Protein backbone atom coordinates (compact mmCIF):
# COMPACT_ATOMS: atom_id res chain seq x y z
CA UNK A 1 32.39 -34.31 -8.27
CA UNK A 2 29.19 -33.98 -9.95
CA UNK A 3 26.28 -34.40 -7.64
CA UNK A 4 22.79 -32.46 -7.14
CA UNK A 5 21.79 -30.97 -4.15
CA UNK A 6 19.40 -28.18 -2.86
CA UNK A 7 21.44 -25.24 -2.15
CA UNK A 8 20.91 -25.18 1.52
CA UNK A 9 22.92 -28.78 1.87
CA UNK A 10 26.02 -26.51 0.80
CA UNK A 11 28.86 -25.76 3.19
CA UNK A 12 30.55 -22.40 3.61
CA UNK A 13 32.86 -21.43 0.37
CA UNK A 14 30.93 -24.81 -1.61
CA UNK A 15 29.69 -23.92 -5.32
CA UNK A 16 27.38 -25.06 -7.59
CA UNK A 17 25.43 -24.21 -10.78
CA UNK A 18 21.60 -23.63 -10.69
CA UNK A 19 19.86 -26.10 -12.15
CA UNK A 20 16.16 -25.41 -11.38
CA UNK A 21 14.13 -23.77 -9.07
CA UNK A 22 11.21 -25.25 -7.29
CA UNK A 23 7.80 -23.83 -6.15
CA UNK A 24 5.82 -20.85 -7.18
CA UNK A 25 4.28 -17.50 -5.82
CA UNK A 26 5.78 -14.28 -4.43
CA UNK A 27 9.21 -15.92 -3.09
CA UNK A 28 9.61 -17.97 -6.41
CA UNK A 29 9.03 -14.52 -8.14
CA UNK A 30 11.38 -12.70 -6.07
CA UNK A 31 14.16 -15.12 -6.86
CA UNK A 32 13.99 -14.85 -10.41
CA UNK A 33 14.07 -10.80 -10.02
CA UNK A 34 17.05 -10.92 -7.69
CA UNK A 35 19.00 -13.12 -10.77
CA UNK A 36 18.58 -16.51 -9.19
CA UNK A 37 18.16 -18.42 -12.39
CA UNK A 38 19.14 -21.72 -14.19
CA UNK A 39 22.62 -21.65 -14.98
CA UNK A 40 24.21 -19.11 -12.79
CA UNK A 41 26.97 -20.04 -10.16
CA UNK A 42 26.29 -19.42 -6.62
CA UNK A 43 28.55 -19.59 -3.85
CA UNK A 44 27.61 -20.08 -0.34
CA UNK A 45 29.48 -17.18 1.65
CA UNK A 46 28.38 -17.40 5.08
CA UNK A 47 25.84 -19.28 7.36
CA UNK A 48 24.10 -18.14 10.63
CA UNK A 49 25.05 -20.21 13.90
CA UNK A 50 21.07 -21.74 13.73
CA UNK A 51 21.73 -22.42 9.84
CA UNK A 52 19.41 -19.50 9.14
CA UNK A 53 19.87 -17.30 7.08
CA UNK A 54 22.56 -18.40 4.56
CA UNK A 55 24.39 -16.03 2.72
CA UNK A 56 25.30 -16.59 -1.14
CA UNK A 57 27.26 -14.81 -3.64
CA UNK A 58 25.31 -14.74 -6.91
CA UNK A 59 26.05 -12.60 -10.10
CA UNK A 60 28.64 -10.78 -8.36
CA UNK A 61 26.62 -9.47 -5.02
CA UNK A 62 25.85 -11.19 -1.79
CA UNK A 63 22.12 -12.37 -1.04
CA UNK A 64 20.73 -13.61 2.36
CA UNK A 65 18.05 -16.32 1.86
CA UNK A 66 15.74 -18.25 4.45
CA UNK A 67 16.82 -22.13 4.71
CA UNK A 68 13.25 -22.85 3.57
CA UNK A 69 14.03 -20.71 0.26
CA UNK A 70 17.58 -22.01 -0.35
CA UNK A 71 15.98 -25.77 -0.30
CA UNK A 72 14.13 -24.75 -3.46
CA UNK A 73 17.12 -24.08 -5.19
CA UNK A 74 18.59 -27.59 -6.96
CA UNK A 75 22.50 -27.15 -7.76
CA UNK A 76 25.16 -29.05 -9.38
CA UNK A 77 28.18 -29.14 -6.89
CA UNK A 78 31.10 -27.77 -8.65
CA UNK A 79 33.58 -27.28 -6.14
C-alpha cells in the first residue's frame, strides 16, 4: 500500500513517512522545530470528535496539530 496523502486524511493508528511539508511562515518553522521533518515516521494517535485537532506521534512524543496544519504535511502511507 504505497500512496501519498496529506496527514489529515489518515485514520487513527495509521502510519506514514513524511515526504514533504507544504507552506511557509511561522507555522512551517514551528513544525520543523518540533521535529516534523522529511523522512520521519508519524502515526495518528487520536482525532477529536469534530476532526480538529489531530494528535500524532512523531519522534517518540505526542503532538497536537490543527487540521489545517496536518493538511500541510504530505505522507506516504505505510500502515
